[in-house]
N, C-alpha and C. Protein backbone atom coordinates (compact mmCIF):
# COMPACT_ATOMS: atom_id res chain seq x y z
N MET A 1 55.24 10.58 -5.14
CA MET A 1 53.90 10.47 -5.51
C MET A 1 53.29 9.40 -4.38
N THR A 2 52.19 9.88 -3.80
CA THR A 2 51.54 8.91 -2.97
C THR A 2 50.38 8.23 -3.59
N TYR A 3 49.86 7.06 -2.95
CA TYR A 3 48.76 6.34 -3.53
C TYR A 3 47.52 7.06 -3.41
N ASP A 4 46.63 6.97 -4.40
CA ASP A 4 45.36 7.50 -4.34
C ASP A 4 44.30 6.56 -3.71
N PHE A 5 43.75 6.72 -2.66
CA PHE A 5 42.73 5.85 -1.91
C PHE A 5 41.39 6.34 -2.22
N SER A 6 41.15 7.15 -3.14
CA SER A 6 39.71 7.64 -3.30
C SER A 6 38.76 6.57 -3.80
N VAL A 7 39.26 5.67 -4.70
CA VAL A 7 38.35 4.59 -5.05
C VAL A 7 38.09 3.49 -3.94
N PHE A 8 39.04 3.39 -3.10
CA PHE A 8 38.92 2.45 -2.03
C PHE A 8 37.98 3.16 -0.96
N LYS A 9 38.25 4.31 -0.61
CA LYS A 9 37.29 4.96 0.27
C LYS A 9 35.88 5.06 -0.14
N LYS A 10 35.66 5.34 -1.41
CA LYS A 10 34.24 5.29 -1.99
C LYS A 10 33.71 3.97 -1.90
N ARG A 11 34.51 2.86 -2.09
CA ARG A 11 33.94 1.64 -1.91
C ARG A 11 33.63 1.12 -0.50
N MET A 12 34.46 1.67 0.55
CA MET A 12 34.18 1.44 1.92
C MET A 12 32.83 2.19 2.17
N SER A 13 32.68 3.32 1.77
CA SER A 13 31.49 4.19 2.10
C SER A 13 30.18 3.37 1.49
N GLU A 14 30.27 2.77 0.36
CA GLU A 14 29.40 2.02 -0.30
C GLU A 14 28.94 0.70 0.59
N VAL A 15 30.01 0.08 1.05
CA VAL A 15 29.87 -1.13 1.93
C VAL A 15 28.94 -0.64 3.18
N SER A 16 29.43 0.37 3.82
CA SER A 16 28.73 0.84 4.98
C SER A 16 27.25 1.20 4.78
N GLU A 17 27.11 1.86 3.76
CA GLU A 17 25.63 2.29 3.25
C GLU A 17 24.78 0.97 3.10
N HIS A 18 25.45 -0.01 2.38
CA HIS A 18 24.63 -1.29 2.08
C HIS A 18 24.30 -2.00 3.40
N LEU A 19 25.30 -2.06 4.34
CA LEU A 19 25.02 -2.60 5.68
C LEU A 19 23.88 -1.85 6.34
N LYS A 20 23.95 -0.57 6.35
CA LYS A 20 22.91 0.20 7.10
C LYS A 20 21.42 -0.21 6.35
N LYS A 21 21.56 -0.19 5.09
CA LYS A 21 20.24 -0.50 4.36
C LYS A 21 19.79 -2.01 4.75
N GLU A 22 20.74 -2.99 4.68
CA GLU A 22 20.37 -4.31 5.04
C GLU A 22 19.82 -4.38 6.42
N LEU A 23 20.42 -3.65 7.31
CA LEU A 23 20.04 -3.71 8.80
C LEU A 23 18.63 -3.06 8.99
N SER A 24 18.36 -2.10 8.13
CA SER A 24 16.96 -1.35 8.44
C SER A 24 15.84 -2.29 8.14
N ALA A 25 16.11 -3.22 7.35
CA ALA A 25 14.98 -4.23 6.95
C ALA A 25 14.71 -5.22 8.04
N ILE A 26 15.55 -5.29 9.17
CA ILE A 26 15.31 -6.15 10.26
C ILE A 26 14.47 -5.41 11.24
N HIS A 27 13.36 -5.84 11.57
CA HIS A 27 12.53 -4.94 12.39
C HIS A 27 12.93 -5.14 13.79
N THR A 28 12.77 -4.09 14.71
CA THR A 28 13.21 -4.05 16.03
C THR A 28 11.88 -4.08 16.93
N GLY A 29 10.75 -4.38 16.55
CA GLY A 29 9.48 -4.31 17.40
C GLY A 29 8.78 -2.97 17.16
N ARG A 30 9.48 -2.00 16.54
CA ARG A 30 8.90 -0.72 16.24
C ARG A 30 8.61 -0.74 14.76
N ALA A 31 7.53 0.13 14.47
CA ALA A 31 7.25 0.07 13.07
C ALA A 31 8.11 0.97 12.28
N SER A 32 8.49 0.49 11.14
CA SER A 32 9.53 1.17 10.32
C SER A 32 9.19 0.97 8.76
N ALA A 33 8.74 1.91 8.23
CA ALA A 33 8.32 1.85 6.83
C ALA A 33 9.56 1.18 5.89
N THR A 34 10.79 1.48 6.22
CA THR A 34 11.90 0.92 5.52
C THR A 34 11.89 -0.60 5.38
N ILE A 35 11.19 -1.27 6.06
CA ILE A 35 11.18 -2.72 6.05
C ILE A 35 10.49 -3.15 4.76
N LEU A 36 9.72 -2.26 3.99
CA LEU A 36 9.03 -2.59 3.00
C LEU A 36 9.74 -2.30 1.72
N ASP A 37 11.00 -1.54 1.80
CA ASP A 37 11.66 -1.22 0.71
C ASP A 37 12.07 -2.39 -0.29
N GLY A 38 12.28 -3.57 0.37
CA GLY A 38 12.86 -4.64 -0.31
C GLY A 38 11.63 -5.62 -0.73
N VAL A 39 10.47 -5.19 -0.62
CA VAL A 39 9.22 -6.04 -1.00
C VAL A 39 8.67 -5.40 -2.47
N PHE A 40 8.54 -6.21 -3.36
CA PHE A 40 8.19 -5.88 -4.64
C PHE A 40 6.85 -6.44 -5.12
N ILE A 41 5.99 -5.83 -5.93
CA ILE A 41 4.84 -6.44 -6.49
C ILE A 41 4.89 -6.22 -8.03
N GLU A 42 4.22 -6.89 -8.80
CA GLU A 42 3.90 -6.71 -10.17
C GLU A 42 2.92 -5.71 -10.45
N SER A 43 3.23 -4.58 -11.09
CA SER A 43 2.43 -3.58 -11.30
C SER A 43 2.77 -2.68 -12.58
N TYR A 44 1.81 -2.44 -13.47
CA TYR A 44 2.13 -1.68 -14.76
C TYR A 44 3.22 -2.41 -15.53
N GLY A 45 3.13 -3.73 -15.43
CA GLY A 45 4.04 -4.59 -16.22
C GLY A 45 5.44 -4.61 -15.81
N ALA A 46 5.77 -4.14 -14.49
CA ALA A 46 7.05 -4.05 -14.01
C ALA A 46 7.13 -4.52 -12.45
N ARG A 47 8.12 -4.92 -11.97
CA ARG A 47 8.27 -5.19 -10.54
C ARG A 47 8.63 -3.84 -9.88
N LEU A 48 7.80 -3.44 -8.95
CA LEU A 48 7.96 -2.12 -8.23
C LEU A 48 7.91 -2.38 -6.67
N ALA A 49 8.82 -1.58 -5.90
CA ALA A 49 8.67 -1.63 -4.53
C ALA A 49 7.40 -0.98 -4.05
N ILE A 50 6.97 -1.48 -2.91
CA ILE A 50 5.60 -0.90 -2.41
C ILE A 50 5.58 0.65 -2.27
N PRO A 51 6.78 1.18 -1.83
CA PRO A 51 6.70 2.56 -1.71
C PRO A 51 6.49 3.26 -3.02
N HIS A 52 6.58 2.56 -4.18
CA HIS A 52 6.43 3.29 -5.44
C HIS A 52 5.00 3.08 -6.14
N VAL A 53 4.26 2.36 -5.32
CA VAL A 53 2.88 2.23 -5.78
C VAL A 53 1.90 2.47 -4.67
N ALA A 54 2.25 2.99 -3.52
CA ALA A 54 1.34 3.27 -2.55
C ALA A 54 1.94 4.37 -1.45
N THR A 55 1.11 4.89 -0.65
CA THR A 55 1.65 5.84 0.30
C THR A 55 1.87 4.95 1.44
N VAL A 56 2.98 5.03 2.23
CA VAL A 56 3.43 4.35 3.31
C VAL A 56 3.80 5.26 4.54
N ALA A 57 3.02 5.14 5.52
CA ALA A 57 3.24 6.03 6.62
C ALA A 57 3.14 5.30 8.06
N ASN A 58 3.82 5.73 9.03
CA ASN A 58 3.60 4.99 10.39
C ASN A 58 2.38 5.63 11.01
N GLU A 59 1.49 4.66 11.34
CA GLU A 59 0.27 5.00 12.16
C GLU A 59 0.48 5.29 13.64
N ASP A 60 1.37 4.38 14.24
CA ASP A 60 1.62 4.39 15.62
C ASP A 60 3.06 3.71 15.67
N ALA A 61 3.40 3.35 16.93
CA ALA A 61 4.70 2.85 17.20
C ALA A 61 4.84 1.36 16.67
N ARG A 62 3.60 0.64 16.47
CA ARG A 62 3.59 -0.78 16.08
C ARG A 62 2.86 -0.99 14.90
N THR A 63 2.53 0.08 14.13
CA THR A 63 1.63 -0.05 12.97
C THR A 63 1.93 0.89 11.76
N ILE A 64 2.03 0.25 10.50
CA ILE A 64 2.20 0.99 9.30
C ILE A 64 0.99 1.11 8.55
N ARG A 65 0.51 2.15 8.02
CA ARG A 65 -0.54 2.20 7.21
C ARG A 65 -0.27 2.35 5.61
N ILE A 66 -0.70 1.44 4.78
CA ILE A 66 -0.36 1.46 3.40
C ILE A 66 -1.60 1.81 2.71
N VAL A 67 -1.62 2.77 1.89
CA VAL A 67 -2.74 3.21 1.01
C VAL A 67 -2.29 3.17 -0.36
N PRO A 68 -2.82 2.12 -1.12
CA PRO A 68 -2.50 1.83 -2.59
C PRO A 68 -3.05 3.06 -3.34
N TRP A 69 -2.33 3.45 -4.39
CA TRP A 69 -2.78 4.43 -5.28
C TRP A 69 -3.76 3.92 -6.36
N GLU A 70 -3.85 2.58 -6.48
CA GLU A 70 -4.75 1.92 -7.15
C GLU A 70 -5.29 0.84 -6.34
N LYS A 71 -6.62 0.85 -6.21
CA LYS A 71 -7.25 -0.10 -5.12
C LYS A 71 -6.85 -1.65 -5.64
N GLY A 72 -6.68 -1.89 -6.98
CA GLY A 72 -6.43 -3.22 -7.34
C GLY A 72 -5.08 -3.78 -6.86
N ASN A 73 -4.26 -2.82 -6.50
CA ASN A 73 -2.89 -3.23 -5.96
C ASN A 73 -2.89 -3.74 -4.54
N GLY A 74 -4.01 -3.53 -3.88
CA GLY A 74 -4.15 -3.93 -2.38
C GLY A 74 -3.81 -5.39 -2.12
N LYS A 75 -4.53 -6.23 -2.98
CA LYS A 75 -4.35 -7.70 -2.77
C LYS A 75 -2.95 -8.03 -3.11
N GLU A 76 -2.31 -7.62 -4.14
CA GLU A 76 -0.95 -7.85 -4.43
C GLU A 76 -0.05 -7.43 -3.50
N ILE A 77 -0.21 -6.32 -2.83
CA ILE A 77 0.62 -5.73 -1.71
C ILE A 77 0.60 -6.77 -0.61
N GLU A 78 -0.63 -7.12 -0.32
CA GLU A 78 -0.80 -8.11 0.80
C GLU A 78 -0.11 -9.35 0.68
N LYS A 79 -0.34 -9.91 -0.54
CA LYS A 79 0.31 -11.17 -0.91
C LYS A 79 1.95 -11.06 -0.91
N ALA A 80 2.47 -9.87 -1.34
CA ALA A 80 3.89 -9.69 -1.28
C ALA A 80 4.37 -9.53 0.05
N ILE A 81 3.76 -9.00 1.00
CA ILE A 81 4.25 -8.83 2.32
C ILE A 81 4.16 -10.04 3.03
N ASN A 82 3.23 -10.87 2.82
CA ASN A 82 3.12 -12.06 3.41
C ASN A 82 4.17 -13.08 2.96
N ALA A 83 4.38 -13.06 1.68
CA ALA A 83 5.54 -13.94 0.99
C ALA A 83 6.90 -13.60 1.47
N ALA A 84 7.02 -12.25 1.74
CA ALA A 84 8.33 -11.73 2.22
C ALA A 84 8.66 -12.32 3.57
N ASN A 85 7.83 -12.89 4.32
CA ASN A 85 8.00 -13.51 5.56
C ASN A 85 8.77 -12.50 6.57
N LEU A 86 8.27 -11.29 6.74
CA LEU A 86 8.97 -10.24 7.46
C LEU A 86 8.60 -10.40 9.06
N GLY A 87 7.66 -11.29 9.46
CA GLY A 87 7.50 -11.42 10.94
C GLY A 87 6.33 -10.40 11.15
N VAL A 88 5.66 -9.92 10.37
CA VAL A 88 4.52 -8.79 10.50
C VAL A 88 3.17 -9.52 10.19
N SER A 89 2.12 -8.92 10.61
CA SER A 89 0.81 -9.35 10.07
C SER A 89 0.15 -8.18 9.37
N VAL A 90 -0.54 -8.64 8.31
CA VAL A 90 -1.28 -7.70 7.42
C VAL A 90 -2.71 -7.88 7.54
N SER A 91 -3.46 -6.54 7.52
CA SER A 91 -4.86 -6.69 7.52
C SER A 91 -5.40 -5.57 6.62
N THR A 92 -6.53 -5.95 5.92
CA THR A 92 -7.05 -5.05 4.89
C THR A 92 -8.40 -4.41 5.47
N ASP A 93 -8.54 -3.09 5.18
CA ASP A 93 -9.82 -2.43 5.45
C ASP A 93 -10.10 -1.60 4.16
N ASP A 94 -11.15 -0.65 4.40
CA ASP A 94 -11.60 0.08 3.35
C ASP A 94 -10.70 1.16 2.88
N ALA A 95 -9.71 1.64 3.78
CA ALA A 95 -8.80 2.69 3.58
C ALA A 95 -7.50 2.13 3.01
N GLY A 96 -7.15 0.76 3.06
CA GLY A 96 -6.00 0.26 2.55
C GLY A 96 -5.52 -0.90 3.41
N LEU A 97 -4.18 -0.97 3.73
CA LEU A 97 -3.77 -2.11 4.49
C LEU A 97 -3.04 -1.56 5.82
N ARG A 98 -3.08 -2.45 6.72
CA ARG A 98 -2.54 -2.06 8.08
C ARG A 98 -1.42 -3.17 8.31
N VAL A 99 -0.11 -2.77 8.49
CA VAL A 99 0.82 -3.82 8.83
C VAL A 99 1.16 -3.57 10.32
N SER A 100 0.87 -4.78 11.13
CA SER A 100 1.21 -4.64 12.57
C SER A 100 2.61 -5.49 12.90
N PHE A 101 3.48 -4.69 13.65
CA PHE A 101 4.55 -5.29 14.23
C PHE A 101 4.27 -5.95 15.40
N PRO A 102 4.49 -7.23 15.66
CA PRO A 102 4.28 -7.94 16.93
C PRO A 102 5.42 -7.56 17.91
N ASP A 103 5.17 -7.73 19.19
CA ASP A 103 6.18 -7.59 20.20
C ASP A 103 7.21 -8.81 19.99
N LEU A 104 8.48 -8.40 20.00
CA LEU A 104 9.60 -9.41 19.74
C LEU A 104 9.58 -10.33 21.02
N THR A 105 9.64 -11.66 20.83
CA THR A 105 9.93 -12.61 21.89
C THR A 105 11.39 -12.72 21.99
N THR A 106 11.76 -13.12 23.24
CA THR A 106 13.31 -13.26 23.54
C THR A 106 14.04 -14.08 22.23
N GLU A 107 13.25 -15.16 21.95
CA GLU A 107 13.78 -16.06 20.99
C GLU A 107 14.03 -15.34 19.53
N ARG A 108 13.07 -14.51 19.25
CA ARG A 108 13.10 -13.75 17.95
C ARG A 108 14.28 -12.65 18.04
N ARG A 109 14.37 -12.10 19.16
CA ARG A 109 15.50 -11.06 19.45
C ARG A 109 16.75 -11.74 19.18
N VAL A 110 16.96 -12.84 19.82
CA VAL A 110 18.17 -13.53 19.59
C VAL A 110 18.53 -13.91 18.13
N ALA A 111 17.42 -14.36 17.52
CA ALA A 111 17.68 -14.68 16.09
C ALA A 111 17.86 -13.51 15.33
N PHE A 112 17.20 -12.44 15.69
CA PHE A 112 17.57 -11.17 14.83
C PHE A 112 18.94 -10.68 15.06
N THR A 113 19.65 -10.81 16.32
CA THR A 113 20.92 -10.34 16.52
C THR A 113 21.96 -11.27 15.81
N LYS A 114 21.63 -12.51 15.69
CA LYS A 114 22.46 -13.49 14.94
C LYS A 114 22.61 -13.02 13.37
N ILE A 115 21.33 -12.71 12.95
CA ILE A 115 21.24 -12.01 11.51
C ILE A 115 22.25 -10.69 11.34
N VAL A 116 22.01 -10.01 12.33
CA VAL A 116 22.80 -8.70 12.35
C VAL A 116 24.18 -8.96 12.36
N ARG A 117 24.80 -9.86 13.13
CA ARG A 117 26.23 -10.19 13.20
C ARG A 117 26.64 -11.02 11.81
N ASP A 118 25.73 -11.71 11.29
CA ASP A 118 25.98 -12.26 10.02
C ASP A 118 26.18 -11.33 8.88
N LYS A 119 25.27 -10.26 8.97
CA LYS A 119 25.33 -9.22 7.83
C LYS A 119 26.77 -8.32 8.14
N VAL A 120 26.99 -8.08 9.37
CA VAL A 120 28.26 -7.35 9.60
C VAL A 120 29.31 -8.10 9.18
N GLU A 121 29.38 -9.46 9.35
CA GLU A 121 30.53 -10.24 9.03
C GLU A 121 30.61 -10.26 7.43
N ASP A 122 29.45 -10.29 6.67
CA ASP A 122 29.42 -10.18 5.27
C ASP A 122 30.01 -9.07 4.73
N ALA A 123 29.79 -7.94 5.44
CA ALA A 123 30.30 -6.54 5.04
C ALA A 123 31.85 -6.50 5.41
N ARG A 124 32.31 -7.04 6.41
CA ARG A 124 33.70 -7.20 6.56
C ARG A 124 34.47 -8.09 5.62
N ILE A 125 33.72 -9.15 5.15
CA ILE A 125 34.35 -9.89 4.02
C ILE A 125 34.70 -9.06 2.79
N GLU A 126 33.54 -8.22 2.52
CA GLU A 126 33.66 -7.30 1.33
C GLU A 126 34.87 -6.41 1.46
N VAL A 127 35.05 -5.90 2.66
CA VAL A 127 36.09 -5.02 3.07
C VAL A 127 37.40 -5.66 2.78
N LYS A 128 37.58 -7.02 3.28
CA LYS A 128 38.72 -7.71 2.98
C LYS A 128 39.08 -7.89 1.56
N GLY A 129 38.02 -8.32 0.82
CA GLY A 129 38.22 -8.45 -0.70
C GLY A 129 38.74 -7.11 -1.26
N GLU A 130 38.19 -5.82 -0.88
CA GLU A 130 38.57 -4.71 -1.48
C GLU A 130 40.12 -4.30 -1.02
N ARG A 131 40.42 -4.73 0.20
CA ARG A 131 41.68 -4.49 0.72
C ARG A 131 42.71 -5.17 -0.22
N GLU A 132 42.34 -6.45 -0.49
CA GLU A 132 43.33 -7.33 -1.39
C GLU A 132 43.41 -6.76 -2.67
N LYS A 133 42.32 -6.20 -3.37
CA LYS A 133 42.49 -5.63 -4.65
C LYS A 133 43.33 -4.43 -4.58
N THR A 134 43.25 -3.54 -3.55
CA THR A 134 43.90 -2.37 -3.38
C THR A 134 45.35 -2.66 -3.09
N LYS A 135 45.67 -3.69 -2.28
CA LYS A 135 47.03 -4.15 -1.89
C LYS A 135 47.72 -4.61 -3.15
N ASN A 136 47.18 -5.37 -4.02
CA ASN A 136 47.66 -5.85 -5.24
C ASN A 136 47.90 -4.72 -6.23
N ASP A 137 47.06 -3.70 -6.18
CA ASP A 137 47.30 -2.55 -7.06
C ASP A 137 48.56 -1.69 -6.55
N ILE A 138 48.68 -1.66 -5.24
CA ILE A 138 49.87 -0.96 -4.59
C ILE A 138 51.21 -1.60 -5.10
N ILE A 139 51.10 -2.84 -4.89
CA ILE A 139 52.29 -3.66 -5.24
C ILE A 139 52.72 -3.53 -6.75
N ALA A 140 51.67 -3.69 -7.53
CA ALA A 140 51.72 -3.60 -9.14
C ALA A 140 52.38 -2.23 -9.42
N LYS A 141 51.89 -1.07 -8.64
CA LYS A 141 52.45 0.14 -9.00
C LYS A 141 53.84 0.25 -8.65
N GLN A 142 54.19 -0.24 -7.45
CA GLN A 142 55.70 -0.42 -7.10
C GLN A 142 56.49 -1.14 -8.03
N ARG A 143 55.99 -2.27 -8.57
CA ARG A 143 56.64 -3.09 -9.45
C ARG A 143 56.77 -2.30 -10.82
N ASP A 144 55.96 -1.50 -11.07
CA ASP A 144 55.98 -0.64 -12.53
C ASP A 144 56.65 0.52 -12.13
N ASN A 145 57.32 0.77 -11.09
CA ASN A 145 58.19 2.01 -10.55
C ASN A 145 57.37 3.26 -10.69
N GLU A 146 55.94 3.13 -10.39
CA GLU A 146 55.23 4.35 -10.21
C GLU A 146 55.18 4.74 -8.72
N LEU A 147 55.64 3.74 -7.82
CA LEU A 147 55.76 4.06 -6.51
C LEU A 147 57.29 3.52 -5.96
N SER A 148 57.83 4.25 -5.04
CA SER A 148 59.20 3.86 -4.58
C SER A 148 58.67 2.64 -3.48
N GLU A 149 59.82 1.97 -3.01
CA GLU A 149 59.65 0.99 -1.98
C GLU A 149 59.11 1.66 -0.55
N ASP A 150 59.60 2.85 -0.35
CA ASP A 150 59.20 3.48 0.91
C ASP A 150 57.71 4.01 0.77
N GLU A 151 57.29 4.46 -0.35
CA GLU A 151 55.94 4.87 -0.60
C GLU A 151 55.02 3.72 -0.60
N LYS A 152 55.47 2.47 -1.15
CA LYS A 152 54.64 1.25 -1.16
C LYS A 152 54.34 0.96 0.39
N THR A 153 55.39 1.02 1.23
CA THR A 153 55.20 0.62 2.68
C THR A 153 54.24 1.62 3.16
N ILE A 154 54.41 2.84 2.96
CA ILE A 154 53.54 3.89 3.65
C ILE A 154 52.13 3.60 3.09
N ALA A 155 51.92 3.38 1.83
CA ALA A 155 50.58 3.13 1.35
C ALA A 155 49.87 1.87 1.93
N LEU A 156 50.63 0.82 2.21
CA LEU A 156 50.15 -0.39 2.81
C LEU A 156 49.72 -0.12 4.15
N GLU A 157 50.42 0.63 4.91
CA GLU A 157 50.25 1.01 6.30
C GLU A 157 48.89 1.82 6.21
N ASP A 158 48.82 2.83 5.46
CA ASP A 158 47.57 3.69 5.33
C ASP A 158 46.44 2.70 4.98
N LEU A 159 46.55 1.87 4.06
CA LEU A 159 45.49 1.04 3.71
C LEU A 159 44.99 0.17 4.95
N GLN A 160 45.85 -0.37 5.71
CA GLN A 160 45.52 -1.11 6.88
C GLN A 160 44.85 -0.16 7.90
N LYS A 161 45.17 1.02 8.02
CA LYS A 161 44.41 2.00 8.95
C LYS A 161 43.13 2.25 8.35
N LEU A 162 43.03 2.28 7.20
CA LEU A 162 41.65 2.65 6.51
C LEU A 162 40.61 1.45 6.69
N VAL A 163 41.21 0.24 6.54
CA VAL A 163 40.54 -1.09 6.79
C VAL A 163 40.14 -1.23 8.19
N GLU A 164 40.96 -0.79 9.19
CA GLU A 164 40.63 -0.91 10.62
C GLU A 164 39.58 0.12 10.97
N GLU A 165 39.56 1.34 10.36
CA GLU A 165 38.63 2.25 10.63
C GLU A 165 37.21 1.86 10.07
N THR A 166 37.28 1.37 8.87
CA THR A 166 35.97 0.84 8.25
C THR A 166 35.46 -0.37 9.07
N ASN A 167 36.20 -1.38 9.40
CA ASN A 167 35.78 -2.50 10.28
C ASN A 167 35.15 -1.99 11.63
N ASN A 168 35.83 -1.00 12.26
CA ASN A 168 35.41 -0.47 13.42
C ASN A 168 34.01 0.31 13.24
N ALA A 169 33.88 1.02 12.16
CA ALA A 169 32.51 1.77 11.93
C ALA A 169 31.47 0.62 11.66
N LEU A 170 31.87 -0.48 10.82
CA LEU A 170 30.85 -1.53 10.74
C LEU A 170 30.41 -2.12 12.00
N GLU A 171 31.25 -2.51 12.90
CA GLU A 171 31.07 -2.91 14.19
C GLU A 171 30.12 -2.03 14.86
N LEU A 172 30.32 -0.76 14.96
CA LEU A 172 29.43 0.12 15.50
C LEU A 172 28.02 0.11 15.16
N ILE A 173 27.90 0.06 13.66
CA ILE A 173 26.65 0.08 13.22
C ILE A 173 25.82 -1.26 13.51
N GLY A 174 26.55 -2.42 13.66
CA GLY A 174 26.05 -3.58 14.08
C GLY A 174 25.64 -3.63 15.68
N GLU A 175 26.54 -3.04 16.32
CA GLU A 175 26.10 -2.99 17.90
C GLU A 175 25.04 -2.03 18.20
N LYS A 176 24.84 -0.94 17.31
CA LYS A 176 23.63 0.00 17.62
C LYS A 176 22.36 -0.87 17.11
N LYS A 177 22.49 -1.59 16.03
CA LYS A 177 21.15 -2.39 15.65
C LYS A 177 20.87 -3.39 16.73
N GLU A 178 21.92 -4.04 17.25
CA GLU A 178 21.65 -5.04 18.27
C GLU A 178 21.04 -4.41 19.46
N LYS A 179 21.56 -3.17 19.92
CA LYS A 179 20.84 -2.61 21.05
C LYS A 179 19.38 -2.32 20.75
N ASP A 180 19.10 -1.78 19.47
CA ASP A 180 17.71 -1.55 19.13
C ASP A 180 16.82 -2.79 19.31
N ILE A 181 17.36 -3.91 18.75
CA ILE A 181 16.65 -5.26 18.80
C ILE A 181 16.37 -5.70 20.31
N LEU A 182 17.55 -5.56 21.06
CA LEU A 182 17.50 -6.11 22.47
C LEU A 182 16.62 -5.16 23.34
N GLY A 183 16.44 -4.00 22.98
CA GLY A 183 15.56 -3.14 23.67
C GLY A 183 16.34 -2.54 24.74
C-alpha cells in the first residue's frame, strides 16, 4: 500500500492560490480591479466587498472606474478605499468614483518587492507546517503497521519531492510579481 498524498496536494494547491490572491492586491503601477477585492464597506447590514456593491472596470492603464449600484454607497466606498491605504487616489464625480494608480517610485517598488518576498516566505512556512503534519501521519501509519518500513521511506522521499516542487512554484509566483513591480 502506498501513501495517499491527495490531501497534501490539495492543501499545497490552496497555499499557491492564496499566495496568488495575496500578491494580486499589491499594485504594480497598472490599474487592477483585484486590488479592491479585500476592501469592504457596510451595506445592507453586512460587510460587503466593493465588487459586490458596485460595477468595477478598468478605464485605462492607470485608472479604475467604480459605479456604485446605489448612489449612497459612493461615500462609503471612497472612505473604505482611503482607509485601506492602498497607495491610490480616489476622486468622485457624477458617474461614480475614479481610482488612480500613481507611478511607482523606486522607493515604493523596493518596498513592494519586500512585501512580496515576505508573503512568499509566509507561504513557504505554511508548506513546512503541512509537511510536518504529513510526515507525522506517515510515521504513525508505519507504526500502526499500515505501511512497511520501505513504503515509509518511499513516502517520505515523495513528500520531500512534492515540497520542493511546491516551494519552486511559490518562488516562481513571487519572481513573476517582482518583475511586474520592477517593470
